């Protein structure tokens, strides 16, 4: 499941880049650890605000974290943080 998550995040990053939103690439094998770290603090993921402005938060790390395919990879606290960020930005699943 971790590999599928990493592939989905990379695809989202490339789709965001096509929209002009730059997101830092994640080192191979570090996607899940990086995602967990980003969701454990209050700092938004790379490109979150730019994706929100383009109404494409579906490409954000936060959206992936609450995607039913990947929720098992995150703690309840991390998933709740992702959901809170999305809802505060006006993104409804």
PDB file of N, CA and C in Angstrom:
ATOM      1  N   UNK A   1       0.823  -1.192   0.000  1.00  0.00           N
ATOM      2  CA  UNK A   1       0.000   0.000   0.000  1.00  0.00           C
ATOM      3  C   UNK A   1       0.869   1.259   0.000  1.00  0.00           C
ATOM      4  N   UNK A   2       2.043   1.193   0.633  1.00  0.00           N
ATOM      5  CA  UNK A   2       2.932   2.356   0.664  1.00  0.00           C
ATOM      6  C   UNK A   2       3.387   2.757  -0.733  1.00  0.00           C
ATOM      7  N   UNK A   3       3.676   1.757  -1.563  1.00  0.00           N
ATOM      8  CA  UNK A   3       4.110   2.051  -2.929  1.00  0.00           C
ATOM      9  C   UNK A   3       2.997   2.718  -3.731  1.00  0.00           C
ATOM     10  N   UNK A   4       1.764   2.264  -3.529  1.00  0.00           N
ATOM     11  CA  UNK A   4       0.628   2.876  -4.226  1.00  0.00           C
ATOM     12  C   UNK A   4       0.430   4.320  -3.764  1.00  0.00           C
ATOM     13  N   UNK A   5       0.617   4.550  -2.460  1.00  0.00           N
ATOM     14  CA  UNK A   5       0.513   5.908  -1.940  1.00  0.00           C
ATOM     15  C   UNK A   5       1.585   6.790  -2.571  1.00  0.00           C
ATOM     16  N   UNK A   6       2.829   6.321  -2.596  1.00  0.00           N
ATOM     17  CA  UNK A   6       3.930   7.099  -3.166  1.00  0.00           C
ATOM     18  C   UNK A   6       3.660   7.416  -4.637  1.00  0.00           C
ATOM     19  N   UNK A   7       3.142   6.446  -5.376  1.00  0.00           N
ATOM     20  CA  UNK A   7       2.837   6.661  -6.796  1.00  0.00           C
ATOM     21  C   UNK A   7       1.707   7.676  -6.958  1.00  0.00           C
ATOM     22  N   UNK A   8       0.696   7.593  -6.116  1.00  0.00           N
ATOM     23  CA  UNK A   8      -0.423   8.540  -6.192  1.00  0.00           C
ATOM     24  C   UNK A   8       0.036   9.953  -5.853  1.00  0.00           C
ATOM     25  N   UNK A   9       0.914  10.080  -4.863  1.00  0.00           N
ATOM     26  CA  UNK A   9       1.420  11.399  -4.480  1.00  0.00           C
ATOM     27  C   UNK A   9       2.276  11.988  -5.591  1.00  0.00           C
ATOM     28  N   UNK A  10       3.102  11.158  -6.227  1.00  0.00           N
ATOM     29  CA  UNK A  10       3.925  11.627  -7.338  1.00  0.00           C
ATOM     30  C   UNK A  10       3.049  12.050  -8.518  1.00  0.00           C
ATOM     31  N   UNK A  11       2.000  11.289  -8.795  1.00  0.00           N
ATOM     32  CA  UNK A  11       1.077  11.667  -9.875  1.00  0.00           C
ATOM     33  C   UNK A  11       0.405  12.998  -9.561  1.00  0.00           C
ATOM     34  N   UNK A  12      -0.033  13.175  -8.315  1.00  0.00           N
ATOM     35  CA  UNK A  12      -0.661  14.432  -7.908  1.00  0.00           C
ATOM     36  C   UNK A  12       0.332  15.587  -8.062  1.00  0.00           C
ATOM     37  N   UNK A  13       1.590  15.348  -7.696  1.00  0.00           N
ATOM     38  CA  UNK A  13       2.619  16.381  -7.818  1.00  0.00           C
ATOM     39  C   UNK A  13       2.815  16.778  -9.276  1.00  0.00           C
ATOM     40  N   UNK A  14       2.851  15.800 -10.171  1.00  0.00           N
ATOM     41  CA  UNK A  14       3.022  16.090 -11.594  1.00  0.00           C
ATOM     42  C   UNK A  14       1.792  16.791 -12.173  1.00  0.00           C
ATOM     43  N   UNK A  15       0.608  16.387 -11.741  1.00  0.00           N
ATOM     44  CA  UNK A  15      -0.624  17.061 -12.189  1.00  0.00           C
ATOM     45  C   UNK A  15      -0.645  18.511 -11.706  1.00  0.00           C
ATOM     46  N   UNK A  16      -0.186  18.733 -10.468  1.00  0.00           N
ATOM     47  CA  UNK A  16      -0.118  20.095  -9.933  1.00  0.00           C
ATOM     48  C   UNK A  16       0.890  20.922 -10.722  1.00  0.00           C
ATOM     49  N   UNK A  17       2.012  20.329 -11.055  1.00  0.00           N
ATOM     50  CA  UNK A  17       3.035  21.021 -11.832  1.00  0.00           C
ATOM     51  C   UNK A  17       2.476  21.468 -13.184  1.00  0.00           C
ATOM     52  N   UNK A  18       1.652  20.629 -13.789  1.00  0.00           N
ATOM     53  CA  UNK A  18       1.022  20.980 -15.064  1.00  0.00           C
ATOM     54  C   UNK A  18       0.100  22.195 -14.915  1.00  0.00           C
ATOM     55  N   UNK A  19      -0.381  22.434 -13.696  1.00  0.00           N
ATOM     56  CA  UNK A  19      -1.213  23.611 -13.418  1.00  0.00           C
ATOM     57  C   UNK A  19      -0.384  24.820 -12.993  1.00  0.00           C
ATOM     58  N   UNK A  20       0.926  24.631 -12.910  1.00  0.00           N
ATOM     59  CA  UNK A  20       1.795  25.712 -12.492  1.00  0.00           C
ATOM     60  C   UNK A  20       2.057  25.745 -10.993  1.00  0.00           C
ATOM     61  N   UNK A  21       1.673  24.690 -10.288  1.00  0.00           N
ATOM     62  CA  UNK A  21       1.883  24.621  -8.839  1.00  0.00           C
ATOM     63  C   UNK A  21       3.075  23.715  -8.574  1.00  0.00           C
ATOM     64  N   UNK A  22       4.100  24.297  -7.971  1.00  0.00           N
ATOM     65  CA  UNK A  22       5.309  23.526  -7.686  1.00  0.00           C
ATOM     66  C   UNK A  22       5.223  22.902  -6.295  1.00  0.00           C
ATOM     67  N   UNK A  23       5.497  21.617  -6.255  1.00  0.00           N
ATOM     68  CA  UNK A  23       5.549  20.882  -4.997  1.00  0.00           C
ATOM     69  C   UNK A  23       6.874  20.128  -4.993  1.00  0.00           C
ATOM     70  N   UNK A  24       7.538  20.138  -3.860  1.00  0.00           N
ATOM     71  CA  UNK A  24       8.830  19.470  -3.745  1.00  0.00           C
ATOM     72  C   UNK A  24       8.702  17.972  -4.000  1.00  0.00           C
ATOM     73  N   UNK A  25       9.598  17.401  -4.817  1.00  0.00           N
ATOM     74  CA  UNK A  25       9.586  15.947  -4.981  1.00  0.00           C
ATOM     75  C   UNK A  25      10.016  15.273  -3.679  1.00  0.00           C
ATOM     76  N   UNK A  26       9.533  14.080  -3.460  1.00  0.00           N
ATOM     77  CA  UNK A  26       9.864  13.325  -2.256  1.00  0.00           C
ATOM     78  C   UNK A  26      10.896  12.271  -2.619  1.00  0.00           C
ATOM     79  N   UNK A  27      11.879  12.117  -1.747  1.00  0.00           N
ATOM     80  CA  UNK A  27      12.908  11.112  -1.987  1.00  0.00           C
ATOM     81  C   UNK A  27      12.302   9.725  -2.080  1.00  0.00           C
ATOM     82  N   UNK A  28      12.843   8.924  -2.959  1.00  0.00           N
ATOM     83  CA  UNK A  28      12.370   7.550  -3.131  1.00  0.00           C
ATOM     84  C   UNK A  28      12.428   6.809  -1.793  1.00  0.00           C
ATOM     85  N   UNK A  29      11.362   6.150  -1.457  1.00  0.00           N
ATOM     86  CA  UNK A  29      11.280   5.404  -0.216  1.00  0.00           C
ATOM     87  C   UNK A  29      10.948   6.244   1.009  1.00  0.00           C
ATOM     88  N   UNK A  30      10.768   7.548   0.840  1.00  0.00           N
ATOM     89  CA  UNK A  30      10.511   8.435   1.968  1.00  0.00           C
ATOM     90  C   UNK A  30       9.125   9.070   1.948  1.00  0.00           C
ATOM     91  N   UNK A  31       8.289   8.691   0.991  1.00  0.00           N
ATOM     92  CA  UNK A  31       6.985   9.346   0.834  1.00  0.00           C
ATOM     93  C   UNK A  31       6.129   9.242   2.092  1.00  0.00           C
ATOM     94  N   UNK A  32       5.977   8.064   2.623  1.00  0.00           N
ATOM     95  CA  UNK A  32       5.101   7.890   3.773  1.00  0.00           C
ATOM     96  C   UNK A  32       5.645   8.610   5.004  1.00  0.00           C
ATOM     97  N   UNK A  33       6.933   8.492   5.243  1.00  0.00           N
ATOM     98  CA  UNK A  33       7.531   9.179   6.392  1.00  0.00           C
ATOM     99  C   UNK A  33       7.382  10.691   6.252  1.00  0.00           C
ATOM    100  N   UNK A  34       7.593  11.215   5.057  1.00  0.00           N
ATOM    101  CA  UNK A  34       7.438  12.650   4.813  1.00  0.00           C
ATOM    102  C   UNK A  34       5.997  13.084   5.012  1.00  0.00           C
ATOM    103  N   UNK A  35       5.064  12.308   4.485  1.00  0.00           N
ATOM    104  CA  UNK A  35       3.646  12.643   4.612  1.00  0.00           C
ATOM    105  C   UNK A  35       3.221  12.645   6.075  1.00  0.00           C
ATOM    106  N   UNK A  36       3.625  11.637   6.817  1.00  0.00           N
ATOM    107  CA  UNK A  36       3.277  11.574   8.241  1.00  0.00           C
ATOM    108  C   UNK A  36       3.832  12.771   9.001  1.00  0.00           C
ATOM    109  N   UNK A  37       5.060  13.148   8.681  1.00  0.00           N
ATOM    110  CA  UNK A  37       5.686  14.295   9.342  1.00  0.00           C
ATOM    111  C   UNK A  37       4.913  15.578   9.033  1.00  0.00           C
ATOM    112  N   UNK A  38       4.531  15.760   7.767  1.00  0.00           N
ATOM    113  CA  UNK A  38       3.796  16.970   7.371  1.00  0.00           C
ATOM    114  C   UNK A  38       2.429  17.043   8.028  1.00  0.00           C
ATOM    115  N   UNK A  39       1.817  15.892   8.234  1.00  0.00           N
ATOM    116  CA  UNK A  39       0.474  15.873   8.816  1.00  0.00           C
ATOM    117  C   UNK A  39       0.490  15.875  10.344  1.00  0.00           C
ATOM    118  N   UNK A  40       1.666  15.791  10.935  1.00  0.00           N
ATOM    119  CA  UNK A  40       1.764  15.793  12.387  1.00  0.00           C
ATOM    120  C   UNK A  40       1.948  17.196  12.946  1.00  0.00           C
ATOM    121  N   UNK A  41       2.183  18.155  12.091  1.00  0.00           N
ATOM    122  CA  UNK A  41       2.340  19.536  12.526  1.00  0.00           C
ATOM    123  C   UNK A  41       1.209  20.391  11.996  1.00  0.00           C
ATOM    124  N   UNK A  42       1.336  21.678  12.171  1.00  0.00           N
ATOM    125  CA  UNK A  42       0.293  22.590  11.684  1.00  0.00           C
ATOM    126  C   UNK A  42       0.663  23.227  10.351  1.00  0.00           C
ATOM    127  N   UNK A  43       1.857  22.908   9.847  1.00  0.00           N
ATOM    128  CA  UNK A  43       2.303  23.476   8.580  1.00  0.00           C
ATOM    129  C   UNK A  43       1.576  22.786   7.429  1.00  0.00           C
ATOM    130  N   UNK A  44       1.052  23.571   6.511  1.00  0.00           N
ATOM    131  CA  UNK A  44       0.377  23.013   5.343  1.00  0.00           C
ATOM    132  C   UNK A  44       1.377  22.340   4.426  1.00  0.00           C
ATOM    133  N   UNK A  45       0.910  21.375   3.671  1.00  0.00           N
ATOM    134  CA  UNK A  45       1.787  20.697   2.713  1.00  0.00           C
ATOM    135  C   UNK A  45       2.178  21.652   1.594  1.00  0.00           C
ATOM    136  N   UNK A  46       3.256  21.308   0.892  1.00  0.00           N
ATOM    137  CA  UNK A  46       3.731  22.120  -0.227  1.00  0.00           C
ATOM    138  C   UNK A  46       2.614  22.315  -1.247  1.00  0.00           C
ATOM    139  N   UNK A  47       2.431  23.550  -1.657  1.00  0.00           N
ATOM    140  CA  UNK A  47       1.465  23.839  -2.701  1.00  0.00           C
ATOM    141  C   UNK A  47       0.017  23.907  -2.257  1.00  0.00           C
ATOM    142  N   UNK A  48      -0.258  23.681  -0.976  1.00  0.00           N
ATOM    143  CA  UNK A  48      -1.646  23.627  -0.514  1.00  0.00           C
ATOM    144  C   UNK A  48      -2.407  24.903  -0.869  1.00  0.00           C
ATOM    145  N   UNK A  49      -1.841  26.053  -0.515  1.00  0.00           N
ATOM    146  CA  UNK A  49      -2.541  27.316  -0.775  1.00  0.00           C
ATOM    147  C   UNK A  49      -2.725  27.560  -2.274  1.00  0.00           C
ATOM    148  N   UNK A  50      -1.702  27.245  -3.058  1.00  0.00           N
ATOM    149  CA  UNK A  50      -1.807  27.426  -4.510  1.00  0.00           C
ATOM    150  C   UNK A  50      -2.855  26.489  -5.105  1.00  0.00           C
ATOM    151  N   UNK A  51      -2.910  25.259  -4.613  1.00  0.00           N
ATOM    152  CA  UNK A  51      -3.938  24.322  -5.083  1.00  0.00           C
ATOM    153  C   UNK A  51      -5.323  24.792  -4.660  1.00  0.00           C
ATOM    154  N   UNK A  52      -5.436  25.346  -3.461  1.00  0.00           N
ATOM    155  CA  UNK A  52      -6.731  25.868  -2.995  1.00  0.00           C
ATOM    156  C   UNK A  52      -7.188  27.012  -3.899  1.00  0.00           C
ATOM    157  N   UNK A  53      -6.272  27.893  -4.278  1.00  0.00           N
ATOM    158  CA  UNK A  53      -6.609  29.019  -5.148  1.00  0.00           C
ATOM    159  C   UNK A  53      -7.097  28.547  -6.514  1.00  0.00           C
ATOM    160  N   UNK A  54      -6.575  27.402  -6.958  1.00  0.00           N
ATOM    161  CA  UNK A  54      -6.985  26.845  -8.252  1.00  0.00           C
ATOM    162  C   UNK A  54      -8.151  25.855  -8.119  1.00  0.00           C
ATOM    163  N   UNK A  55      -8.656  25.737  -6.891  1.00  0.00           N
ATOM    164  CA  UNK A  55      -9.759  24.799  -6.604  1.00  0.00           C
ATOM    165  C   UNK A  55      -9.391  23.364  -6.991  1.00  0.00           C
ATOM    166  N   UNK A  56      -8.158  22.977  -6.653  1.00  0.00           N
ATOM    167  CA  UNK A  56      -7.661  21.635  -6.971  1.00  0.00           C
ATOM    168  C   UNK A  56      -7.028  20.975  -5.744  1.00  0.00           C
ATOM    169  N   UNK A  57      -7.657  21.149  -4.605  1.00  0.00           N
ATOM    170  CA  UNK A  57      -7.146  20.508  -3.396  1.00  0.00           C
ATOM    171  C   UNK A  57      -7.199  18.991  -3.473  1.00  0.00           C
ATOM    172  N   UNK A  58      -7.882  18.462  -4.475  1.00  0.00           N
ATOM    173  CA  UNK A  58      -7.872  17.018  -4.675  1.00  0.00           C
ATOM    174  C   UNK A  58      -6.469  16.503  -4.981  1.00  0.00           C
ATOM    175  N   UNK A  59      -5.558  17.397  -5.355  1.00  0.00           N
ATOM    176  CA  UNK A  59      -4.178  17.022  -5.654  1.00  0.00           C
ATOM    177  C   UNK A  59      -3.253  17.175  -4.445  1.00  0.00           C
ATOM    178  N   UNK A  60      -3.797  17.576  -3.318  1.00  0.00           N
ATOM    179  CA  UNK A  60      -2.966  17.821  -2.135  1.00  0.00           C
ATOM    180  C   UNK A  60      -2.673  16.538  -1.360  1.00  0.00           C
ATOM    181  N   UNK A  61      -1.607  16.608  -0.584  1.00  0.00           N
ATOM    182  CA  UNK A  61      -1.279  15.510   0.328  1.00  0.00           C
ATOM    183  C   UNK A  61      -2.451  15.253   1.268  1.00  0.00           C
ATOM    184  N   UNK A  62      -3.076  16.315   1.731  1.00  0.00           N
ATOM    185  CA  UNK A  62      -4.192  16.179   2.664  1.00  0.00           C
ATOM    186  C   UNK A  62      -5.331  15.357   2.060  1.00  0.00           C
ATOM    187  N   UNK A  63      -5.619  15.586   0.786  1.00  0.00           N
ATOM    188  CA  UNK A  63      -6.676  14.813   0.126  1.00  0.00           C
ATOM    189  C   UNK A  63      -6.284  13.340   0.009  1.00  0.00           C
ATOM    190  N   UNK A  64      -5.030  13.075  -0.265  1.00  0.00           N
ATOM    191  CA  UNK A  64      -4.573  11.682  -0.330  1.00  0.00           C
ATOM    192  C   UNK A  64      -4.678  11.008   1.030  1.00  0.00           C
ATOM    193  N   UNK A  65      -4.375  11.755   2.092  1.00  0.00           N
ATOM    194  CA  UNK A  65      -4.393  11.179   3.437  1.00  0.00           C
ATOM    195  C   UNK A  65      -5.793  10.765   3.875  1.00  0.00           C
ATOM    196  N   UNK A  66      -6.818  11.406   3.324  1.00  0.00           N
ATOM    197  CA  UNK A  66      -8.190  11.025   3.696  1.00  0.00           C
ATOM    198  C   UNK A  66      -8.858  10.165   2.622  1.00  0.00           C
ATOM    199  N   UNK A  67      -8.111   9.855   1.582  1.00  0.00           N
ATOM    200  CA  UNK A  67      -8.611   8.956   0.538  1.00  0.00           C
ATOM    201  C   UNK A  67      -8.758   7.558   1.146  1.00  0.00           C
ATOM    202  N   UNK A  68      -9.887   6.925   0.935  1.00  0.00           N
ATOM    203  CA  UNK A  68     -10.145   5.625   1.568  1.00  0.00           C
ATOM    204  C   UNK A  68      -9.099   4.568   1.220  1.00  0.00           C
ATOM    205  N   UNK A  69      -8.400   4.740   0.107  1.00  0.00           N
ATOM    206  CA  UNK A  69      -7.346   3.784  -0.260  1.00  0.00           C
ATOM    207  C   UNK A  69      -6.159   3.861   0.693  1.00  0.00           C
ATOM    208  N   UNK A  70      -5.961   5.025   1.330  1.00  0.00           N
ATOM    209  CA  UNK A  70      -4.737   5.251   2.088  1.00  0.00           C
ATOM    210  C   UNK A  70      -4.929   5.575   3.566  1.00  0.00           C
ATOM    211  N   UNK A  71      -6.152   5.639   4.039  1.00  0.00           N
ATOM    212  CA  UNK A  71      -6.363   6.046   5.434  1.00  0.00           C
ATOM    213  C   UNK A  71      -5.680   5.115   6.424  1.00  0.00           C
ATOM    214  N   UNK A  72      -5.507   3.862   6.093  1.00  0.00           N
ATOM    215  CA  UNK A  72      -4.855   2.919   6.991  1.00  0.00           C
ATOM    216  C   UNK A  72      -3.377   3.207   7.213  1.00  0.00           C
ATOM    217  N   UNK A  73      -2.804   4.082   6.400  1.00  0.00           N
ATOM    218  CA  UNK A  73      -1.396   4.424   6.538  1.00  0.00           C
ATOM    219  C   UNK A  73      -1.141   5.522   7.572  1.00  0.00           C
ATOM    220  N   UNK A  74      -2.218   6.171   8.010  1.00  0.00           N
ATOM    221  CA  UNK A  74      -2.079   7.325   8.884  1.00  0.00           C
ATOM    222  C   UNK A  74      -2.798   7.109  10.204  1.00  0.00           C
ATOM    223  N   UNK A  75      -2.298   7.790  11.241  1.00  0.00           N
ATOM    224  CA  UNK A  75      -2.973   7.733  12.532  1.00  0.00           C
ATOM    225  C   UNK A  75      -4.269   8.530  12.440  1.00  0.00           C
ATOM    226  N   UNK A  76      -5.149   8.325  13.397  1.00  0.00           N
ATOM    227  CA  UNK A  76      -6.381   9.111  13.434  1.00  0.00           C
ATOM    228  C   UNK A  76      -6.074  10.594  13.523  1.00  0.00           C
ATOM    229  N   UNK A  77      -5.060  10.947  14.295  1.00  0.00           N
ATOM    230  CA  UNK A  77      -4.695  12.354  14.456  1.00  0.00           C
ATOM    231  C   UNK A  77      -4.225  12.955  13.135  1.00  0.00           C
ATOM    232  N   UNK A  78      -3.418  12.223  12.389  1.00  0.00           N
ATOM    233  CA  UNK A  78      -2.928  12.713  11.103  1.00  0.00           C
ATOM    234  C   UNK A  78      -4.075  12.855  10.108  1.00  0.00           C
ATOM    235  N   UNK A  79      -4.950  11.870  10.059  1.00  0.00           N
ATOM    236  CA  UNK A  79      -6.102  11.939   9.146  1.00  0.00           C
ATOM    237  C   UNK A  79      -7.030  13.085   9.538  1.00  0.00           C
ATOM    238  N   UNK A  80      -7.238  13.272  10.841  1.00  0.00           N
ATOM    239  CA  UNK A  80      -8.090  14.378  11.296  1.00  0.00           C
ATOM    240  C   UNK A  80      -7.473  15.722  10.960  1.00  0.00           C
ATOM    241  N   UNK A  81      -6.162  15.828  11.087  1.00  0.00           N
ATOM    242  CA  UNK A  81      -5.476  17.081  10.730  1.00  0.00           C
ATOM    243  C   UNK A  81      -5.665  17.362   9.234  1.00  0.00           C
ATOM    244  N   UNK A  82      -5.501  16.343   8.404  1.00  0.00           N
ATOM    245  CA  UNK A  82      -5.693  16.507   6.961  1.00  0.00           C
ATOM    246  C   UNK A  82      -7.122  16.945   6.656  1.00  0.00           C
ATOM    247  N   UNK A  83      -8.083  16.299   7.273  1.00  0.00           N
ATOM    248  CA  UNK A  83      -9.491  16.635   7.040  1.00  0.00           C
ATOM    249  C   UNK A  83      -9.796  18.053   7.501  1.00  0.00           C
ATOM    250  N   UNK A  84      -9.276  18.433   8.651  1.00  0.00           N
ATOM    251  CA  UNK A  84      -9.493  19.786   9.167  1.00  0.00           C
ATOM    252  C   UNK A  84      -8.942  20.825   8.199  1.00  0.00           C
ATOM    253  N   UNK A  85      -7.739  20.606   7.706  1.00  0.00           N
ATOM    254  CA  UNK A  85      -7.145  21.549   6.746  1.00  0.00           C
ATOM    255  C   UNK A  85      -8.011  21.687   5.503  1.00  0.00           C
ATOM    256  N   UNK A  86      -8.473  20.560   4.987  1.00  0.00           N
ATOM    257  CA  UNK A  86      -9.308  20.590   3.783  1.00  0.00           C
ATOM    258  C   UNK A  86     -10.619  21.320   4.028  1.00  0.00           C
ATOM    259  N   UNK A  87     -11.259  21.011   5.134  1.00  0.00           N
ATOM    260  CA  UNK A  87     -12.545  21.654   5.436  1.00  0.00           C
ATOM    261  C   UNK A  87     -12.373  23.148   5.676  1.00  0.00           C
ATOM    262  N   UNK A  88     -11.309  23.537   6.379  1.00  0.00           N
ATOM    263  CA  UNK A  88     -11.052  24.957   6.618  1.00  0.00           C
ATOM    264  C   UNK A  88     -10.794  25.711   5.330  1.00  0.00           C
ATOM    265  N   UNK A  89     -10.292  25.030   4.318  1.00  0.00           N
ATOM    266  CA  UNK A  89     -10.022  25.639   3.011  1.00  0.00           C
ATOM    267  C   UNK A  89     -11.255  25.596   2.108  1.00  0.00           C
ATOM    268  N   UNK A  90     -12.346  25.023   2.599  1.00  0.00           N
ATOM    269  CA  UNK A  90     -13.579  24.977   1.808  1.00  0.00           C
ATOM    270  C   UNK A  90     -13.682  23.802   0.867  1.00  0.00           C
ATOM    271  N   UNK A  91     -12.855  22.793   1.066  1.00  0.00           N
ATOM    272  CA  UNK A  91     -12.897  21.606   0.217  1.00  0.00           C
ATOM    273  C   UNK A  91     -13.769  20.567   0.883  1.00  0.00           C
ATOM    274  N   UNK A  92     -14.782  20.140   0.188  1.00  0.00           N
ATOM    275  CA  UNK A  92     -15.690  19.134   0.730  1.00  0.00           C
ATOM    276  C   UNK A  92     -15.582  17.874  -0.091  1.00  0.00           C
ATOM    277  N   UNK A  93     -15.391  16.771   0.598  1.00  0.00           N
ATOM    278  CA  UNK A  93     -15.193  15.483  -0.065  1.00  0.00           C
ATOM    279  C   UNK A  93     -16.462  14.948  -0.662  1.00  0.00           C
TER     280      UNK A  93
END
